[in-house]
Amino acid sequence: MLCIVFENKSYGLDKTSKTAPRELNEATEGVATMTLSSIRPRKSEQKTGTRKNTAQENWERREDLYPFTEGSRILDPVSFRKSFFTRSSFKFNKLTMMIVRRKWVFIIIPSSALVGFLSVLQTTWYTRNISPRQDWQVIQVHRKNILNSMCTKYNISDSTTFLNRRLASQLYVEHNYQLIYCEVPKTGCSNWKRILFLLQTNVTKEPGELTHEFVHNTSNLQRLVDYPHHRQMAMLQNYTKVMFSRHPFERLASAYKNKFLYKEKSEYYSKIIRGRIKKMFRNSKHSDGVVTFQEFVSFVLKENPLIRDPHWDAVSRLCSPCSIHYDILGKFETVKDDAEHVLRIIGAPEHLHFPDIKQHPNEIETNKRMIKQYFQNLSSESLQPIQDIYSLDFALFHYPIYITNKTFEDTT
């Protein structure tokens, strides 16, 4: 309990009403209003709903941080305030008990109210004063906590004593800045290869000067598979390990657009894979017309999962995040911010920044509307099985799962 005492020079009891004067009530209520103004709208604004408080807006912008993992002690200020005031049968300006006795005024605040009040202030200070660097670090902790809990839930091995050749082939190594990057197609891997090339060779070029074909075929980029086992283990232990994920359905749609709707220079996709899909579902590989998304998904479902194409294989299979403990878990949805932090952490040159270069400059960005259009036209026999292929990606990287067409309408 806290007792505040001050000398009553200008206030006194109203002898006729036997109550504290209006000025004293206004003064104490003003203190409460001033103290809570940063986290509570004014009464008039609460009724009209014309203003969101700043702390609530800050918290909503940090969507990747909420909800926290089980056991966290941090509560968002809006939920705390609702819980606190709905459980109480009094308003804040009635929390204090004032005893006015001649010359002195005693304001008594119950300890429970004081603790709750200070908690709200502390949480509000936290959401307002957290720096971008701290904010990003908290996001990383959140992502790792989710991934680790899912790895434990599904009992996925965390052993790194043996790397299969396919996994080691996905890991690119840069020695100057001691960086290991797991290549995941359709998550910005071409731009990451531009960065790796510039870090490795120290050439004075801009990322935009390196073409898509060059970065995917240069011999300057080294992979972990090129080294003996003992060196692989040493690098995994000492280098900064980075991987990026993307919403599975968005990544699948992006792979379809890139390989089957745009002119593909690689004959493997433009002729072999397209011909294989057409022969499988049209009985002729020379059939006219582009491969439809339904045909592409049906092909993915029939493909041998052990040799599935990396452009649409699950991220969890490509990078094995439950076996390799990545230092940084990036997401395509926040690639610019995540990549910038990676470059600063490894000590890359200050002038080097992650580029935004597309293989097809006029390509329309894959978005929720496009995903909705693609997946609404899928047969019901394909929707659940294709979701099952990426079920582990949904869980490990905390992406929402779309099951029915109605879900797409609700999430757009």
Protein backbone atom coordinates (compact mmCIF):
# COMPACT_ATOMS: atom_id res chain seq x y z
CA MET A 1 0.00 0.00 0.00
CA LEU A 2 1.21 3.48 -0.87
CA CYS A 3 0.23 6.53 1.13
CA ILE A 4 0.78 10.00 -0.33
CA VAL A 5 0.61 12.89 2.11
CA PHE A 6 0.60 16.56 1.26
CA GLU A 7 -0.27 19.74 3.14
CA ASN A 8 -3.80 20.98 2.67
CA LYS A 9 -3.29 24.71 2.22
CA SER A 10 -5.87 25.44 -0.44
CA TYR A 11 -8.27 22.51 -0.01
CA GLY A 12 -10.52 21.57 2.84
CA LEU A 13 -13.73 19.74 3.54
CA ASP A 14 -16.87 21.32 2.30
CA LYS A 15 -18.61 21.82 5.65
CA THR A 16 -22.09 21.69 4.15
CA SER A 17 -21.66 18.57 1.95
CA LYS A 18 -19.16 16.76 4.21
CA THR A 19 -17.29 15.64 1.05
CA ALA A 20 -13.99 16.54 -0.51
CA PRO A 21 -14.30 19.71 -2.61
CA ARG A 22 -14.70 19.48 -6.38
CA GLU A 23 -11.24 20.98 -6.94
CA LEU A 24 -9.57 18.13 -5.04
CA ASN A 25 -11.50 15.48 -6.98
CA GLU A 26 -10.53 17.15 -10.24
CA ALA A 27 -6.92 17.40 -9.13
CA THR A 28 -6.62 13.74 -8.26
CA GLU A 29 -8.55 12.67 -11.34
CA GLY A 30 -6.25 14.87 -13.42
CA VAL A 31 -3.25 13.01 -12.06
CA ALA A 32 -4.78 9.68 -13.09
CA THR A 33 -5.78 10.97 -16.51
CA MET A 34 -2.35 12.44 -17.12
CA THR A 35 -0.60 9.25 -16.03
CA LEU A 36 -2.73 6.97 -18.20
CA SER A 37 -3.05 9.30 -21.19
CA SER A 38 -0.29 7.48 -23.05
CA ILE A 39 -2.18 4.18 -22.97
CA ARG A 40 -5.87 5.06 -22.66
CA PRO A 41 -8.02 7.20 -25.00
CA ARG A 42 -9.97 10.03 -23.49
CA LYS A 43 -13.55 9.18 -22.50
CA SER A 44 -15.00 11.07 -25.46
CA GLU A 45 -12.68 9.27 -27.83
CA GLN A 46 -13.52 5.89 -26.28
CA LYS A 47 -17.17 6.41 -27.19
CA THR A 48 -16.59 7.54 -30.76
CA GLY A 49 -13.71 5.19 -31.46
CA THR A 50 -12.00 7.88 -33.55
CA ARG A 51 -8.55 7.42 -32.08
CA LYS A 52 -6.32 4.42 -31.41
CA ASN A 53 -3.78 4.91 -28.69
CA THR A 54 -0.16 4.93 -29.75
CA ALA A 55 0.84 1.89 -27.71
CA GLN A 56 -1.89 -0.21 -29.35
CA GLU A 57 -0.75 0.88 -32.82
CA ASN A 58 2.86 0.08 -31.95
CA TRP A 59 1.88 -3.35 -30.71
CA GLU A 60 -0.27 -4.13 -33.77
CA ARG A 61 2.63 -3.21 -36.07
CA ARG A 62 4.78 -5.75 -34.24
CA GLU A 63 2.53 -8.62 -35.39
CA ASP A 64 5.42 -11.07 -35.45
CA LEU A 65 5.92 -10.73 -31.70
CA TYR A 66 2.43 -11.62 -30.50
CA PRO A 67 1.44 -14.02 -29.17
CA PHE A 68 4.65 -14.74 -27.27
CA THR A 69 5.63 -18.28 -26.44
CA GLU A 70 4.19 -19.93 -23.35
CA GLY A 71 5.73 -18.68 -20.13
CA SER A 72 6.47 -15.15 -21.35
CA ARG A 73 5.79 -12.47 -18.80
CA ILE A 74 5.16 -9.72 -21.33
CA LEU A 75 1.52 -8.72 -21.89
CA ASP A 76 0.30 -6.25 -24.48
CA PRO A 77 -1.07 -3.11 -22.78
CA VAL A 78 -4.52 -3.29 -24.40
CA SER A 79 -5.26 -6.83 -23.20
CA PHE A 80 -3.88 -6.04 -19.75
CA ARG A 81 -5.98 -2.92 -19.40
CA LYS A 82 -9.17 -4.70 -20.48
CA SER A 83 -8.53 -7.53 -18.05
CA PHE A 84 -7.63 -5.17 -15.20
CA PHE A 85 -10.64 -2.90 -15.48
CA THR A 86 -13.24 -5.59 -16.19
CA ARG A 87 -12.18 -7.47 -13.07
CA SER A 88 -12.46 -4.32 -10.97
CA SER A 89 -15.75 -2.89 -9.82
CA PHE A 90 -14.41 0.63 -9.66
CA LYS A 91 -12.99 3.24 -12.01
CA PHE A 92 -9.43 4.39 -11.82
CA ASN A 93 -10.21 7.72 -10.22
CA LYS A 94 -11.99 5.76 -7.44
CA LEU A 95 -8.99 3.54 -6.73
CA THR A 96 -7.56 6.01 -4.28
CA MET A 97 -9.06 6.65 -0.88
CA MET A 98 -8.65 10.24 0.27
CA ILE A 99 -8.73 11.20 3.90
CA VAL A 100 -8.85 14.94 4.36
CA ARG A 101 -8.15 15.83 7.96
CA ARG A 102 -7.70 19.48 8.76
CA LYS A 103 -4.27 20.45 7.56
CA TRP A 104 -3.21 17.22 5.83
CA VAL A 105 -4.57 15.19 2.93
CA PHE A 106 -3.86 11.46 2.85
CA ILE A 107 -4.21 9.58 -0.45
CA ILE A 108 -4.09 5.83 0.07
CA ILE A 109 -3.50 3.57 -2.95
CA PRO A 110 -3.99 -0.20 -2.49
CA SER A 111 -0.87 -2.23 -3.36
CA SER A 112 -2.74 -4.38 -5.91
CA ALA A 113 -3.85 -1.30 -7.82
CA LEU A 114 -0.35 0.16 -7.63
CA VAL A 115 1.27 -3.01 -9.01
CA GLY A 116 -1.23 -3.18 -11.87
CA PHE A 117 -0.79 0.51 -12.63
CA LEU A 118 3.01 0.24 -12.69
CA SER A 119 2.81 -2.87 -14.90
CA VAL A 120 0.79 -0.97 -17.47
CA LEU A 121 3.31 1.88 -17.43
CA GLN A 122 6.24 -0.54 -17.72
CA THR A 123 4.70 -2.39 -20.68
CA THR A 124 3.85 0.90 -22.39
CA TRP A 125 7.42 2.12 -21.90
CA TYR A 126 8.69 -1.17 -23.36
CA THR A 127 6.60 -0.95 -26.55
CA ARG A 128 7.48 2.73 -27.04
CA ASN A 129 11.18 2.71 -26.27
CA ILE A 130 12.35 -0.57 -27.84
CA SER A 131 14.96 0.13 -30.50
CA PRO A 132 14.77 -1.36 -34.03
CA ARG A 133 17.75 -3.58 -33.21
CA GLN A 134 16.12 -4.86 -30.00
CA ASP A 135 12.83 -5.28 -31.82
CA TRP A 136 14.50 -7.46 -34.47
CA GLN A 137 16.29 -9.51 -31.82
CA VAL A 138 13.02 -10.20 -30.03
CA ILE A 139 11.50 -11.32 -33.34
CA GLN A 140 14.42 -13.71 -33.81
CA VAL A 141 13.92 -15.16 -30.33
CA HIS A 142 10.23 -15.61 -31.07
CA ARG A 143 10.89 -17.40 -34.37
CA LYS A 144 13.47 -19.70 -32.79
CA ASN A 145 11.21 -20.52 -29.87
CA ILE A 146 8.42 -21.54 -32.22
CA LEU A 147 10.76 -23.60 -34.40
CA ASN A 148 12.33 -25.38 -31.42
CA SER A 149 8.97 -26.15 -29.86
CA MET A 150 7.69 -27.61 -33.15
CA CYS A 151 10.86 -29.68 -33.61
CA THR A 152 10.31 -31.10 -30.14
CA LYS A 153 6.60 -31.63 -30.71
CA TYR A 154 7.18 -33.64 -33.89
CA ASN A 155 10.24 -35.39 -32.42
CA ILE A 156 12.56 -34.31 -35.23
CA SER A 157 16.22 -35.14 -34.69
CA ASP A 158 18.60 -32.33 -33.77
CA SER A 159 21.75 -34.28 -34.62
CA THR A 160 24.30 -32.63 -36.91
CA THR A 161 26.93 -35.37 -36.69
CA PHE A 162 26.10 -36.46 -40.23
CA LEU A 163 25.05 -34.30 -43.18
CA ASN A 164 23.62 -35.96 -46.25
CA ARG A 165 24.97 -34.79 -49.57
CA ARG A 166 21.76 -33.08 -50.60
CA LEU A 167 21.65 -30.91 -47.48
CA ALA A 168 25.35 -30.04 -47.72
CA SER A 169 24.75 -29.01 -51.35
CA GLN A 170 22.15 -26.45 -50.24
CA LEU A 171 24.60 -24.69 -47.91
CA TYR A 172 26.80 -21.98 -49.43
CA VAL A 173 29.95 -20.96 -47.58
CA GLU A 174 31.60 -17.52 -47.53
CA HIS A 175 34.93 -17.53 -45.68
CA ASN A 176 35.88 -13.84 -45.55
CA TYR A 177 32.93 -13.03 -43.30
CA GLN A 178 32.33 -16.59 -42.06
CA LEU A 179 28.79 -16.94 -43.37
CA ILE A 180 26.79 -20.06 -44.25
CA TYR A 181 23.64 -19.50 -46.29
CA CYS A 182 21.03 -22.17 -47.04
CA GLU A 183 19.73 -21.75 -50.57
CA VAL A 184 15.94 -21.80 -50.80
CA PRO A 185 14.62 -20.95 -54.29
CA LYS A 186 11.87 -18.32 -54.43
CA THR A 187 12.97 -16.61 -51.20
CA GLY A 188 15.44 -14.16 -52.75
CA CYS A 189 18.27 -16.67 -53.28
CA SER A 190 19.52 -15.01 -56.51
CA ASN A 191 20.07 -11.75 -54.66
CA TRP A 192 21.77 -13.62 -51.81
CA LYS A 193 24.13 -15.20 -54.32
CA ARG A 194 24.97 -11.71 -55.58
CA ILE A 195 25.84 -10.74 -52.01
CA LEU A 196 27.92 -13.90 -51.47
CA PHE A 197 29.86 -13.32 -54.68
CA LEU A 198 30.70 -9.72 -53.73
CA LEU A 199 31.75 -10.76 -50.21
CA GLN A 200 33.85 -13.64 -51.51
CA THR A 201 35.68 -11.83 -54.34
CA ASN A 202 35.87 -8.29 -52.90
CA VAL A 203 35.22 -6.91 -56.38
CA THR A 204 34.05 -3.32 -56.65
CA LYS A 205 30.77 -4.00 -58.39
CA GLU A 206 27.16 -3.28 -57.65
CA PRO A 207 24.81 -6.24 -57.16
CA GLY A 208 22.80 -5.11 -60.16
CA GLU A 209 25.81 -5.70 -62.43
CA LEU A 210 25.65 -9.44 -61.74
CA THR A 211 23.12 -11.19 -63.96
CA HIS A 212 20.81 -13.99 -62.88
CA GLU A 213 22.58 -16.49 -65.14
CA PHE A 214 26.01 -15.48 -63.86
CA VAL A 215 25.32 -15.88 -60.13
CA HIS A 216 23.69 -19.28 -60.65
CA ASN A 217 26.55 -20.64 -62.73
CA THR A 218 29.71 -19.03 -61.33
CA SER A 219 32.35 -21.31 -59.84
CA ASN A 220 33.35 -18.66 -57.28
CA LEU A 221 30.59 -19.65 -54.90
CA GLN A 222 31.50 -22.58 -52.67
CA ARG A 223 29.22 -25.10 -51.02
CA LEU A 224 29.65 -27.03 -47.81
CA VAL A 225 29.55 -30.30 -49.75
CA ASP A 226 32.92 -29.40 -51.32
CA TYR A 227 34.73 -29.87 -47.98
CA PRO A 228 35.62 -32.96 -45.94
CA HIS A 229 33.41 -33.89 -43.02
CA HIS A 230 35.64 -32.50 -40.25
CA ARG A 231 35.78 -29.08 -41.95
CA GLN A 232 32.03 -29.11 -42.47
CA MET A 233 31.52 -29.62 -38.74
CA ALA A 234 34.02 -26.89 -37.87
CA MET A 235 32.31 -24.36 -40.15
CA LEU A 236 28.85 -25.25 -38.88
CA GLN A 237 30.14 -24.69 -35.36
CA ASN A 238 31.88 -21.35 -35.96
CA TYR A 239 30.22 -19.61 -38.91
CA THR A 240 27.04 -17.51 -38.86
CA LYS A 241 24.30 -19.71 -40.30
CA VAL A 242 21.37 -18.08 -42.11
CA MET A 243 18.24 -19.39 -43.79
CA PHE A 244 15.06 -17.84 -45.20
CA SER A 245 11.53 -19.20 -45.41
CA ARG A 246 8.38 -18.09 -47.21
CA HIS A 247 4.68 -18.89 -46.99
CA PRO A 248 4.48 -22.33 -48.68
CA PHE A 249 1.52 -21.53 -50.92
CA GLU A 250 2.98 -18.18 -51.97
CA ARG A 251 6.29 -19.85 -52.76
CA LEU A 252 4.56 -22.60 -54.75
CA ALA A 253 2.60 -20.04 -56.78
CA SER A 254 5.78 -18.03 -57.41
CA ALA A 255 7.60 -21.15 -58.66
CA TYR A 256 4.72 -21.92 -61.02
CA LYS A 257 4.71 -18.39 -62.47
CA ASN A 258 8.47 -18.28 -62.84
CA LYS A 259 8.90 -21.67 -64.51
CA PHE A 260 5.70 -22.04 -66.55
CA LEU A 261 4.21 -18.63 -67.30
CA TYR A 262 7.35 -16.67 -68.17
CA LYS A 263 9.88 -17.46 -70.86
CA GLU A 264 12.34 -19.82 -69.20
CA LYS A 265 15.85 -19.95 -70.65
CA SER A 266 16.57 -23.30 -69.03
CA GLU A 267 15.49 -26.12 -71.33
CA TYR A 268 15.02 -28.34 -68.31
CA TYR A 269 11.89 -26.44 -67.32
CA SER A 270 10.81 -25.02 -70.69
CA LYS A 271 10.93 -28.39 -72.47
CA ILE A 272 11.57 -31.39 -70.22
CA ILE A 273 9.36 -30.58 -67.22
CA ARG A 274 6.62 -28.91 -69.28
CA GLY A 275 6.61 -31.85 -71.69
CA ARG A 276 6.49 -34.31 -68.81
CA ILE A 277 3.49 -32.55 -67.22
CA LYS A 278 1.58 -32.33 -70.52
CA LYS A 279 2.22 -35.98 -71.30
CA MET A 280 1.08 -36.97 -67.81
CA PHE A 281 -2.21 -35.04 -67.89
CA ARG A 282 -2.91 -34.46 -71.61
CA ASN A 283 -1.47 -37.66 -73.09
CA SER A 284 0.82 -35.62 -75.35
CA LYS A 285 3.90 -33.61 -74.45
CA HIS A 286 3.41 -31.57 -77.63
CA SER A 287 -0.01 -30.34 -76.57
CA ASP A 288 -0.63 -26.63 -77.09
CA GLY A 289 -1.27 -24.16 -74.30
CA VAL A 290 0.51 -23.33 -71.08
CA VAL A 291 0.66 -25.69 -68.13
CA THR A 292 -2.20 -24.85 -65.77
CA PHE A 293 -1.74 -24.44 -62.03
CA GLN A 294 -3.95 -27.49 -61.44
CA GLU A 295 -1.69 -29.57 -63.70
CA PHE A 296 1.40 -28.25 -61.95
CA VAL A 297 0.04 -29.09 -58.48
CA SER A 298 -1.01 -32.56 -59.64
CA PHE A 299 2.52 -33.07 -60.95
CA VAL A 300 4.03 -32.00 -57.60
CA LEU A 301 1.74 -34.46 -55.81
CA LYS A 302 2.86 -37.34 -58.03
CA GLU A 303 6.55 -36.40 -57.87
CA ASN A 304 8.89 -38.60 -55.87
CA PRO A 305 9.35 -36.68 -52.58
CA LEU A 306 12.96 -37.87 -52.29
CA ILE A 307 13.94 -36.13 -55.52
CA ARG A 308 11.43 -33.26 -55.57
CA ASP A 309 12.60 -30.16 -57.40
CA PRO A 310 14.15 -27.64 -54.95
CA HIS A 311 12.09 -24.79 -56.45
CA TRP A 312 8.98 -26.25 -54.84
CA ASP A 313 10.36 -28.68 -52.30
CA ALA A 314 9.57 -27.92 -48.64
CA VAL A 315 11.95 -25.50 -46.90
CA SER A 316 12.16 -27.89 -43.94
CA ARG A 317 13.62 -30.56 -46.25
CA LEU A 318 16.00 -28.21 -48.04
CA CYS A 319 17.56 -26.67 -44.90
CA SER A 320 16.75 -29.11 -42.06
CA PRO A 321 16.31 -26.37 -39.42
CA CYS A 322 15.71 -28.96 -36.68
CA SER A 323 19.15 -30.47 -37.33
CA ILE A 324 21.14 -27.33 -38.09
CA HIS A 325 20.76 -24.62 -35.48
CA TYR A 326 20.60 -21.50 -37.63
CA ASP A 327 21.74 -18.28 -35.99
CA ILE A 328 19.33 -16.17 -38.04
CA LEU A 329 15.88 -17.22 -39.25
CA GLY A 330 14.88 -14.85 -42.00
CA LYS A 331 11.58 -14.63 -43.83
CA PHE A 332 10.91 -13.52 -47.38
CA GLU A 333 8.11 -11.35 -46.00
CA THR A 334 10.72 -9.30 -44.09
CA VAL A 335 13.72 -10.02 -46.32
CA LYS A 336 15.03 -6.43 -46.55
CA ASP A 337 15.10 -5.91 -42.80
CA ASP A 338 16.43 -9.39 -42.04
CA ALA A 339 19.12 -9.20 -44.71
CA GLU A 340 20.27 -5.79 -43.52
CA HIS A 341 20.76 -7.13 -40.00
CA VAL A 342 22.66 -10.15 -41.35
CA LEU A 343 25.07 -7.92 -43.26
CA ARG A 344 25.70 -5.70 -40.24
CA ILE A 345 26.17 -8.67 -37.90
CA ILE A 346 28.83 -10.32 -40.07
CA GLY A 347 30.61 -6.98 -40.55
CA ALA A 348 29.97 -6.58 -44.28
CA PRO A 349 31.04 -3.30 -45.93
CA GLU A 350 28.71 -0.47 -45.02
CA HIS A 351 28.00 0.34 -48.67
CA LEU A 352 26.74 -3.18 -49.37
CA HIS A 353 22.98 -3.59 -49.10
CA PHE A 354 20.60 -6.34 -50.08
CA PRO A 355 19.34 -5.66 -53.64
CA ASP A 356 15.80 -5.86 -54.96
CA ILE A 357 16.43 -7.40 -58.38
CA LYS A 358 13.92 -9.62 -60.19
CA GLN A 359 14.71 -12.16 -62.87
CA HIS A 360 11.71 -10.87 -64.81
CA PRO A 361 11.51 -7.09 -64.25
CA ASN A 362 7.85 -6.91 -65.28
CA GLU A 363 6.82 -9.84 -63.11
CA ILE A 364 3.78 -9.13 -60.96
CA GLU A 365 4.52 -9.74 -57.29
CA THR A 366 2.88 -12.84 -55.86
CA ASN A 367 0.29 -11.66 -53.35
CA LYS A 368 -2.70 -12.97 -51.41
CA ARG A 369 -5.12 -12.08 -54.20
CA MET A 370 -3.11 -14.13 -56.67
CA ILE A 371 -2.82 -17.07 -54.26
CA LYS A 372 -6.59 -16.95 -53.73
CA GLN A 373 -7.17 -17.03 -57.47
CA TYR A 374 -4.84 -20.01 -57.99
CA PHE A 375 -6.00 -22.12 -55.06
CA GLN A 376 -9.72 -21.48 -55.44
CA ASN A 377 -9.54 -23.23 -58.81
CA LEU A 378 -7.86 -26.32 -57.38
CA SER A 379 -9.89 -29.47 -57.05
CA SER A 380 -10.81 -30.57 -53.55
CA GLU A 381 -8.76 -33.74 -54.16
CA SER A 382 -5.62 -31.60 -54.56
CA LEU A 383 -5.99 -28.93 -51.90
CA GLN A 384 -5.54 -31.02 -48.76
CA PRO A 385 -2.70 -33.22 -50.14
CA ILE A 386 -0.68 -30.21 -51.34
CA GLN A 387 -1.14 -28.65 -47.92
CA ASP A 388 0.13 -31.87 -46.32
CA ILE A 389 3.37 -31.68 -48.31
CA TYR A 390 4.17 -28.35 -46.64
CA SER A 391 2.62 -29.08 -43.25
CA LEU A 392 5.99 -28.97 -41.50
CA ASP A 393 6.83 -25.61 -43.10
CA PHE A 394 3.54 -24.19 -41.83
CA ALA A 395 4.35 -25.38 -38.32
CA LEU A 396 8.08 -24.61 -38.07
CA PHE A 397 7.88 -21.12 -39.52
CA HIS A 398 4.51 -20.14 -38.05
CA TYR A 399 2.57 -19.53 -41.26
CA PRO A 400 -1.25 -19.64 -41.34
CA ILE A 401 -2.74 -22.74 -42.95
CA TYR A 402 -5.41 -22.31 -45.62
CA ILE A 403 -7.72 -25.30 -45.92
CA THR A 404 -10.86 -24.20 -47.74
CA ASN A 405 -11.78 -21.56 -50.28
CA LYS A 406 -13.76 -19.78 -47.57
CA THR A 407 -10.55 -19.38 -45.58
CA PHE A 408 -8.97 -17.53 -48.49
CA GLU A 409 -11.89 -15.11 -48.60
CA ASP A 410 -11.59 -14.47 -44.87
CA THR A 411 -7.83 -13.81 -44.96
CA THR A 412 -7.63 -11.48 -47.95
